[in-house]
Amino acid sequence: MDLKNKIAVVTGVSKGIGEALCRQLLEEGAIVYGLGRNNFDTDDTNFHFISTDVRDYTSVEAAFNKILSESNQNIHVLINNAGLGYFGNVEDLPMEQWDTMMQTNVNGMFYCTRLAVPVMKQQGIGHIINIASTAGLEGMPMVSGYCATKWAVKGFSESIWRELRDFKIKVTCVYPGSVKTDFFRNSPNIQPHDYMLMPQDVADMMVYALKTPDNFHQVNLEVRPLQPKGPRQ
């Protein structure tokens, strides 16, 4: 897809992968709508921030109505990036944290996709990218709730790419390993460091996937740090 003047919607844009994605899409000439609770600093006239709580369907629907009214009823790219994780033993995980992860990581993705798909079907073109995690490929201790949400992202993505392929809509699920972002703010034992993946590199991989030829479909993208703990001493 040629991204110039295409309408791209990205959730969770305040920092990290979401911010990097927005900046790279803008460099490609896309018109970018960022959905989230907080914005990032930019004066690019092709970027439009809409304060949105992805956990609330009414809030998401209002954001999409605004986008469609301003974009001549077009949405070409949807990137479901908003997400968070909490760490802890399963018996200690507060119900509020479980609910927040499910509402953000799973419900938010579903809400946005549900609203974008009819538009993409009418256009006869579209690309949805869902950001999962390597935690959606393998169970890990102390992150059972987060793993559960990312396995849901995986299952949802694998279902809808088969559902939408005949409408010329691509669906790509991305499985990053540890990325140097503030994701680990809720972890008492892990701090971001330079041997993690860089948000800009993960974003670059996704922009490449968006730019591939129409009949070229990258269904799953798994990427990990080569040496997550640094070189051997």
C-alpha atoms as a PDB file:
ATOM      1  CA  MET A   1       0.000   0.000   0.000  1.00  0.00           C
ATOM      2  CA  ASP A   2       1.207   3.460  -0.862  1.00  0.00           C
ATOM      3  CA  LEU A   3       0.722   5.280   2.446  1.00  0.00           C
ATOM      4  CA  LYS A   4       0.702   8.803   1.049  1.00  0.00           C
ATOM      5  CA  ASN A   5      -2.599  10.498   1.963  1.00  0.00           C
ATOM      6  CA  LYS A   6      -3.974   7.255   3.396  1.00  0.00           C
ATOM      7  CA  ILE A   7      -5.989   7.445   6.629  1.00  0.00           C
ATOM      8  CA  ALA A   8      -4.275   5.588   9.475  1.00  0.00           C
ATOM      9  CA  VAL A   9      -5.716   5.098  12.959  1.00  0.00           C
ATOM     10  CA  VAL A  10      -3.336   4.195  15.795  1.00  0.00           C
ATOM     11  CA  THR A  11      -4.307   3.541  19.408  1.00  0.00           C
ATOM     12  CA  GLY A  12      -2.072   4.166  22.419  1.00  0.00           C
ATOM     13  CA  VAL A  13       0.048   6.930  20.904  1.00  0.00           C
ATOM     14  CA  SER A  14       1.514   8.815  23.857  1.00  0.00           C
ATOM     15  CA  LYS A  15       4.927   7.109  23.801  1.00  0.00           C
ATOM     16  CA  GLY A  16       6.827   3.951  22.884  1.00  0.00           C
ATOM     17  CA  ILE A  17       5.764   1.928  19.850  1.00  0.00           C
ATOM     18  CA  GLY A  18       2.606   3.996  19.318  1.00  0.00           C
ATOM     19  CA  GLU A  19       4.478   7.281  19.106  1.00  0.00           C
ATOM     20  CA  ALA A  20       7.163   5.761  16.863  1.00  0.00           C
ATOM     21  CA  LEU A  21       4.474   4.385  14.550  1.00  0.00           C
ATOM     22  CA  CYS A  22       2.751   7.731  14.249  1.00  0.00           C
ATOM     23  CA  ARG A  23       5.988   9.525  13.442  1.00  0.00           C
ATOM     24  CA  GLN A  24       6.981   7.002  10.785  1.00  0.00           C
ATOM     25  CA  LEU A  25       3.523   6.980   9.197  1.00  0.00           C
ATOM     26  CA  LEU A  26       3.634  10.772   9.018  1.00  0.00           C
ATOM     27  CA  GLU A  27       7.021  10.577   7.296  1.00  0.00           C
ATOM     28  CA  GLU A  28       5.392   8.313   4.714  1.00  0.00           C
ATOM     29  CA  GLY A  29       2.780  10.981   4.043  1.00  0.00           C
ATOM     30  CA  ALA A  30      -0.153   9.318   5.811  1.00  0.00           C
ATOM     31  CA  ILE A  31      -2.891  11.248   7.585  1.00  0.00           C
ATOM     32  CA  VAL A  32      -2.744   9.860  11.110  1.00  0.00           C
ATOM     33  CA  TYR A  33      -5.408   9.830  13.797  1.00  0.00           C
ATOM     34  CA  GLY A  34      -4.059   8.994  17.235  1.00  0.00           C
ATOM     35  CA  LEU A  35      -6.460   7.606  19.826  1.00  0.00           C
ATOM     36  CA  GLY A  36      -5.594   7.498  23.512  1.00  0.00           C
ATOM     37  CA  ARG A  37      -5.691   9.217  26.841  1.00  0.00           C
ATOM     38  CA  ASN A  38      -2.497  11.217  26.246  1.00  0.00           C
ATOM     39  CA  ASN A  39      -0.891  12.753  23.178  1.00  0.00           C
ATOM     40  CA  PHE A  40       2.744  13.130  22.156  1.00  0.00           C
ATOM     41  CA  ASP A  41       4.447  16.362  21.116  1.00  0.00           C
ATOM     42  CA  THR A  42       4.154  17.097  17.396  1.00  0.00           C
ATOM     43  CA  ASP A  43       3.172  20.026  15.217  1.00  0.00           C
ATOM     44  CA  ASP A  44       2.623  17.941  12.072  1.00  0.00           C
ATOM     45  CA  THR A  45      -0.637  19.124  10.498  1.00  0.00           C
ATOM     46  CA  ASN A  46      -1.368  15.583   9.273  1.00  0.00           C
ATOM     47  CA  PHE A  47      -1.620  14.301  12.837  1.00  0.00           C
ATOM     48  CA  HIS A  48      -4.933  14.491  14.682  1.00  0.00           C
ATOM     49  CA  PHE A  49      -5.245  13.411  18.295  1.00  0.00           C
ATOM     50  CA  ILE A  50      -8.611  12.314  19.654  1.00  0.00           C
ATOM     51  CA  SER A  51      -8.876  11.770  23.393  1.00  0.00           C
ATOM     52  CA  THR A  52     -10.313   8.255  23.643  1.00  0.00           C
ATOM     53  CA  ASP A  53     -10.759   5.555  26.261  1.00  0.00           C
ATOM     54  CA  VAL A  54     -10.448   2.345  24.242  1.00  0.00           C
ATOM     55  CA  ARG A  55     -12.077   0.439  27.118  1.00  0.00           C
ATOM     56  CA  ASP A  56     -15.332   2.339  26.515  1.00  0.00           C
ATOM     57  CA  TYR A  57     -17.220   1.467  23.324  1.00  0.00           C
ATOM     58  CA  THR A  58     -19.104   4.770  23.363  1.00  0.00           C
ATOM     59  CA  SER A  59     -15.817   6.694  23.466  1.00  0.00           C
ATOM     60  CA  VAL A  60     -14.347   4.606  20.638  1.00  0.00           C
ATOM     61  CA  GLU A  61     -17.473   4.972  18.512  1.00  0.00           C
ATOM     62  CA  ALA A  62     -17.414   8.753  18.942  1.00  0.00           C
ATOM     63  CA  ALA A  63     -13.756   8.836  17.846  1.00  0.00           C
ATOM     64  CA  PHE A  64     -14.461   6.772  14.728  1.00  0.00           C
ATOM     65  CA  ASN A  65     -17.465   8.921  13.841  1.00  0.00           C
ATOM     66  CA  LYS A  66     -15.229  11.973  13.993  1.00  0.00           C
ATOM     67  CA  ILE A  67     -12.566  10.310  11.848  1.00  0.00           C
ATOM     68  CA  LEU A  68     -15.070   9.238   9.210  1.00  0.00           C
ATOM     69  CA  SER A  69     -16.704  12.663   9.075  1.00  0.00           C
ATOM     70  CA  GLU A  70     -13.302  14.293   8.458  1.00  0.00           C
ATOM     71  CA  SER A  71     -11.854  11.696   6.073  1.00  0.00           C
ATOM     72  CA  ASN A  72     -14.608  11.278   3.492  1.00  0.00           C
ATOM     73  CA  GLN A  73     -15.607   7.976   5.125  1.00  0.00           C
ATOM     74  CA  ASN A  74     -12.162   6.385   4.724  1.00  0.00           C
ATOM     75  CA  ILE A  75      -9.942   4.318   6.994  1.00  0.00           C
ATOM     76  CA  HIS A  76      -7.103   2.455   5.292  1.00  0.00           C
ATOM     77  CA  VAL A  77      -4.949   1.388   8.249  1.00  0.00           C
ATOM     78  CA  LEU A  78      -5.835   0.421  11.808  1.00  0.00           C
ATOM     79  CA  ILE A  79      -3.094  -0.362  14.309  1.00  0.00           C
ATOM     80  CA  ASN A  80      -4.354  -1.708  17.623  1.00  0.00           C
ATOM     81  CA  ASN A  81      -1.399  -0.798  19.799  1.00  0.00           C
ATOM     82  CA  ALA A  82      -2.959   0.240  23.119  1.00  0.00           C
ATOM     83  CA  GLY A  83      -2.104  -2.231  25.841  1.00  0.00           C
ATOM     84  CA  LEU A  84      -0.648  -2.735  29.295  1.00  0.00           C
ATOM     85  CA  GLY A  85       0.399  -5.482  31.654  1.00  0.00           C
ATOM     86  CA  TYR A  86       0.534  -6.174  35.375  1.00  0.00           C
ATOM     87  CA  PHE A  87       2.849  -8.633  37.091  1.00  0.00           C
ATOM     88  CA  GLY A  88       2.185 -10.953  40.021  1.00  0.00           C
ATOM     89  CA  ASN A  89       1.190 -14.405  41.166  1.00  0.00           C
ATOM     90  CA  VAL A  90      -2.234 -15.469  39.948  1.00  0.00           C
ATOM     91  CA  GLU A  91      -3.698 -15.549  43.467  1.00  0.00           C
ATOM     92  CA  ASP A  92      -2.417 -12.044  44.179  1.00  0.00           C
ATOM     93  CA  LEU A  93      -3.571 -10.349  40.955  1.00  0.00           C
ATOM     94  CA  PRO A  94      -6.222  -7.758  41.887  1.00  0.00           C
ATOM     95  CA  MET A  95      -9.501  -8.075  40.033  1.00  0.00           C
ATOM     96  CA  GLU A  96      -9.231  -4.449  38.969  1.00  0.00           C
ATOM     97  CA  GLN A  97      -5.922  -5.160  37.201  1.00  0.00           C
ATOM     98  CA  TRP A  98      -7.327  -8.249  35.467  1.00  0.00           C
ATOM     99  CA  ASP A  99     -10.332  -6.242  34.257  1.00  0.00           C
ATOM    100  CA  THR A 100      -8.165  -3.331  33.072  1.00  0.00           C
ATOM    101  CA  MET A 101      -5.944  -5.640  31.010  1.00  0.00           C
ATOM    102  CA  MET A 102      -8.919  -7.423  29.454  1.00  0.00           C
ATOM    103  CA  GLN A 103     -10.756  -4.200  28.685  1.00  0.00           C
ATOM    104  CA  THR A 104      -7.711  -2.491  27.184  1.00  0.00           C
ATOM    105  CA  ASN A 105      -5.857  -5.295  25.430  1.00  0.00           C
ATOM    106  CA  VAL A 106      -8.847  -7.293  24.177  1.00  0.00           C
ATOM    107  CA  ASN A 107     -12.028  -5.206  24.249  1.00  0.00           C
ATOM    108  CA  GLY A 108     -10.310  -2.092  22.887  1.00  0.00           C
ATOM    109  CA  MET A 109      -8.914  -4.071  19.954  1.00  0.00           C
ATOM    110  CA  PHE A 110     -12.337  -5.570  19.221  1.00  0.00           C
ATOM    111  CA  TYR A 111     -14.152  -2.229  19.428  1.00  0.00           C
ATOM    112  CA  CYS A 112     -11.803  -0.512  16.976  1.00  0.00           C
ATOM    113  CA  THR A 113     -11.733  -3.447  14.567  1.00  0.00           C
ATOM    114  CA  ARG A 114     -15.510  -3.801  14.603  1.00  0.00           C
ATOM    115  CA  LEU A 115     -15.877  -0.169  13.538  1.00  0.00           C
ATOM    116  CA  ALA A 116     -13.080  -0.156  10.954  1.00  0.00           C
ATOM    117  CA  VAL A 117     -13.962  -3.345   9.064  1.00  0.00           C
ATOM    118  CA  PRO A 118     -17.218  -2.153   7.386  1.00  0.00           C
ATOM    119  CA  VAL A 119     -15.357   0.905   6.057  1.00  0.00           C
ATOM    120  CA  MET A 120     -12.480  -1.217   4.730  1.00  0.00           C
ATOM    121  CA  LYS A 121     -14.900  -3.659   3.095  1.00  0.00           C
ATOM    122  CA  GLN A 122     -16.611  -0.791   1.292  1.00  0.00           C
ATOM    123  CA  GLN A 123     -13.234   0.547   0.129  1.00  0.00           C
ATOM    124  CA  GLY A 124     -12.014  -2.865  -0.998  1.00  0.00           C
ATOM    125  CA  ILE A 125      -8.691  -2.277   0.748  1.00  0.00           C
ATOM    126  CA  GLY A 126      -7.364  -2.122   4.298  1.00  0.00           C
ATOM    127  CA  HIS A 127      -4.727  -3.360   6.698  1.00  0.00           C
ATOM    128  CA  ILE A 128      -5.256  -4.100  10.386  1.00  0.00           C
ATOM    129  CA  ILE A 129      -2.250  -4.661  12.629  1.00  0.00           C
ATOM    130  CA  ASN A 130      -2.773  -6.077  16.113  1.00  0.00           C
ATOM    131  CA  ILE A 131       0.148  -5.881  18.503  1.00  0.00           C
ATOM    132  CA  ALA A 132       0.322  -8.972  20.669  1.00  0.00           C
ATOM    133  CA  SER A 133       3.527 -10.116  22.406  1.00  0.00           C
ATOM    134  CA  THR A 134       5.719 -13.178  22.697  1.00  0.00           C
ATOM    135  CA  ALA A 135       3.571 -13.619  25.814  1.00  0.00           C
ATOM    136  CA  GLY A 136       0.857 -14.549  23.316  1.00  0.00           C
ATOM    137  CA  LEU A 137       2.955 -17.460  22.093  1.00  0.00           C
ATOM    138  CA  GLU A 138       4.131 -19.004  25.357  1.00  0.00           C
ATOM    139  CA  GLY A 139       2.953 -18.926  28.941  1.00  0.00           C
ATOM    140  CA  MET A 140       5.169 -17.118  31.405  1.00  0.00           C
ATOM    141  CA  PRO A 141       5.098 -17.067  35.216  1.00  0.00           C
ATOM    142  CA  MET A 142       3.975 -13.911  36.999  1.00  0.00           C
ATOM    143  CA  VAL A 143       2.143 -12.588  33.928  1.00  0.00           C
ATOM    144  CA  SER A 144      -0.769 -15.023  33.589  1.00  0.00           C
ATOM    145  CA  GLY A 145      -3.347 -12.279  33.086  1.00  0.00           C
ATOM    146  CA  TYR A 146      -1.264 -10.467  30.479  1.00  0.00           C
ATOM    147  CA  CYS A 147      -0.544 -13.747  28.678  1.00  0.00           C
ATOM    148  CA  ALA A 148      -4.259 -14.510  28.616  1.00  0.00           C
ATOM    149  CA  THR A 149      -5.015 -11.198  26.896  1.00  0.00           C
ATOM    150  CA  LYS A 150      -2.287 -11.648  24.301  1.00  0.00           C
ATOM    151  CA  TRP A 151      -3.389 -15.190  23.506  1.00  0.00           C
ATOM    152  CA  ALA A 152      -6.795 -13.625  22.872  1.00  0.00           C
ATOM    153  CA  VAL A 153      -5.182 -11.131  20.482  1.00  0.00           C
ATOM    154  CA  LYS A 154      -3.531 -14.040  18.662  1.00  0.00           C
ATOM    155  CA  GLY A 155      -6.763 -16.010  18.327  1.00  0.00           C
ATOM    156  CA  PHE A 156      -8.749 -12.973  17.229  1.00  0.00           C
ATOM    157  CA  SER A 157      -6.143 -12.066  14.610  1.00  0.00           C
ATOM    158  CA  GLU A 158      -5.871 -15.584  13.218  1.00  0.00           C
ATOM    159  CA  SER A 159      -9.641 -15.751  12.839  1.00  0.00           C
ATOM    160  CA  ILE A 160     -10.222 -12.417  11.172  1.00  0.00           C
ATOM    161  CA  TRP A 161      -7.415 -12.613   8.610  1.00  0.00           C
ATOM    162  CA  ARG A 162      -9.165 -15.651   7.186  1.00  0.00           C
ATOM    163  CA  GLU A 163     -12.496 -13.877   7.471  1.00  0.00           C
ATOM    164  CA  LEU A 164     -11.355 -10.725   5.679  1.00  0.00           C
ATOM    165  CA  ARG A 165      -8.846 -11.868   3.053  1.00  0.00           C
ATOM    166  CA  ASP A 166     -11.492 -12.161   0.313  1.00  0.00           C
ATOM    167  CA  PHE A 167     -12.349  -8.502   0.882  1.00  0.00           C
ATOM    168  CA  LYS A 168      -8.714  -7.494   0.185  1.00  0.00           C
ATOM    169  CA  ILE A 169      -8.168  -6.637   3.841  1.00  0.00           C
ATOM    170  CA  LYS A 170      -4.908  -7.744   5.427  1.00  0.00           C
ATOM    171  CA  VAL A 171      -4.562  -8.620   9.096  1.00  0.00           C
ATOM    172  CA  THR A 172      -1.112  -8.864  10.674  1.00  0.00           C
ATOM    173  CA  CYS A 173      -0.390  -9.892  14.251  1.00  0.00           C
ATOM    174  CA  VAL A 174       2.904  -8.714  15.729  1.00  0.00           C
ATOM    175  CA  TYR A 175       4.673 -10.574  18.537  1.00  0.00           C
ATOM    176  CA  PRO A 176       7.466  -8.411  19.985  1.00  0.00           C
ATOM    177  CA  GLY A 177       9.735  -9.588  22.738  1.00  0.00           C
ATOM    178  CA  SER A 178      10.858  -7.088  25.362  1.00  0.00           C
ATOM    179  CA  VAL A 179      10.831  -3.509  24.043  1.00  0.00           C
ATOM    180  CA  LYS A 180      12.480  -0.509  25.685  1.00  0.00           C
ATOM    181  CA  THR A 181       9.284   1.308  26.688  1.00  0.00           C
ATOM    182  CA  ASP A 182       7.488   2.127  29.927  1.00  0.00           C
ATOM    183  CA  PHE A 183       5.603  -1.192  29.732  1.00  0.00           C
ATOM    184  CA  PHE A 184       7.703  -2.387  32.651  1.00  0.00           C
ATOM    185  CA  ARG A 185       6.543   0.432  34.931  1.00  0.00           C
ATOM    186  CA  ASN A 186       4.354  -2.126  36.711  1.00  0.00           C
ATOM    187  CA  SER A 187       7.208  -4.604  37.170  1.00  0.00           C
ATOM    188  CA  PRO A 188       9.271  -4.312  40.353  1.00  0.00           C
ATOM    189  CA  ASN A 189      12.116  -6.435  38.957  1.00  0.00           C
ATOM    190  CA  ILE A 190      12.554  -5.390  35.304  1.00  0.00           C
ATOM    191  CA  GLN A 191      13.820  -2.043  34.098  1.00  0.00           C
ATOM    192  CA  PRO A 192      14.052  -0.988  30.430  1.00  0.00           C
ATOM    193  CA  HIS A 193      17.587  -1.237  29.009  1.00  0.00           C
ATOM    194  CA  ASP A 194      19.446  -0.901  25.721  1.00  0.00           C
ATOM    195  CA  TYR A 195      19.545  -4.642  24.966  1.00  0.00           C
ATOM    196  CA  MET A 196      15.782  -4.679  24.514  1.00  0.00           C
ATOM    197  CA  LEU A 197      14.165  -3.995  21.145  1.00  0.00           C
ATOM    198  CA  MET A 198      13.878  -0.316  20.238  1.00  0.00           C
ATOM    199  CA  PRO A 199      10.366   1.046  19.584  1.00  0.00           C
ATOM    200  CA  GLN A 200      11.522   2.683  16.351  1.00  0.00           C
ATOM    201  CA  ASP A 201      12.747  -0.654  14.970  1.00  0.00           C
ATOM    202  CA  VAL A 202       9.499  -2.444  15.793  1.00  0.00           C
ATOM    203  CA  ALA A 203       7.541   0.411  14.193  1.00  0.00           C
ATOM    204  CA  ASP A 204       9.748   0.295  11.097  1.00  0.00           C
ATOM    205  CA  MET A 205       8.961  -3.414  10.663  1.00  0.00           C
ATOM    206  CA  MET A 206       5.230  -2.692  10.744  1.00  0.00           C
ATOM    207  CA  VAL A 207       5.465   0.189   8.293  1.00  0.00           C
ATOM    208  CA  TYR A 208       7.330  -2.143   5.927  1.00  0.00           C
ATOM    209  CA  ALA A 209       4.475  -4.657   6.241  1.00  0.00           C
ATOM    210  CA  LEU A 210       1.967  -1.929   5.384  1.00  0.00           C
ATOM    211  CA  LYS A 211       3.915  -0.986   2.258  1.00  0.00           C
ATOM    212  CA  THR A 212       4.096  -4.492   0.776  1.00  0.00           C
ATOM    213  CA  PRO A 213       2.301  -5.279  -2.518  1.00  0.00           C
ATOM    214  CA  ASP A 214      -1.442  -5.878  -2.398  1.00  0.00           C
ATOM    215  CA  ASN A 215      -1.164  -9.655  -2.820  1.00  0.00           C
ATOM    216  CA  PHE A 216       1.695 -10.002  -0.295  1.00  0.00           C
ATOM    217  CA  HIS A 217       0.387 -10.747   3.187  1.00  0.00           C
ATOM    218  CA  GLN A 218       2.544 -11.010   6.307  1.00  0.00           C
ATOM    219  CA  VAL A 219       0.205 -12.770   8.710  1.00  0.00           C
ATOM    220  CA  ASN A 220       2.485 -13.053  11.762  1.00  0.00           C
ATOM    221  CA  LEU A 221       5.576 -11.067  12.681  1.00  0.00           C
ATOM    222  CA  GLU A 222       7.610 -12.385  15.629  1.00  0.00           C
ATOM    223  CA  VAL A 223      10.640 -10.360  16.681  1.00  0.00           C
ATOM    224  CA  ARG A 224      12.899 -10.701  19.717  1.00  0.00           C
ATOM    225  CA  PRO A 225      16.128  -9.185  20.991  1.00  0.00           C
ATOM    226  CA  LEU A 226      19.032 -11.319  19.818  1.00  0.00           C
ATOM    227  CA  GLN A 227      20.814 -10.981  23.160  1.00  0.00           C
ATOM    228  CA  PRO A 228      18.190  -9.741  25.620  1.00  0.00           C
ATOM    229  CA  LYS A 229      20.625  -9.734  28.534  1.00  0.00           C
ATOM    230  CA  GLY A 230      23.531  -8.323  26.565  1.00  0.00           C
ATOM    231  CA  PRO A 231      26.696 -10.003  25.240  1.00  0.00           C
ATOM    232  CA  ARG A 232      28.226 -12.817  27.227  1.00  0.00           C
ATOM    233  CA  GLN A 233      30.980 -11.649  29.520  1.00  0.00           C
END
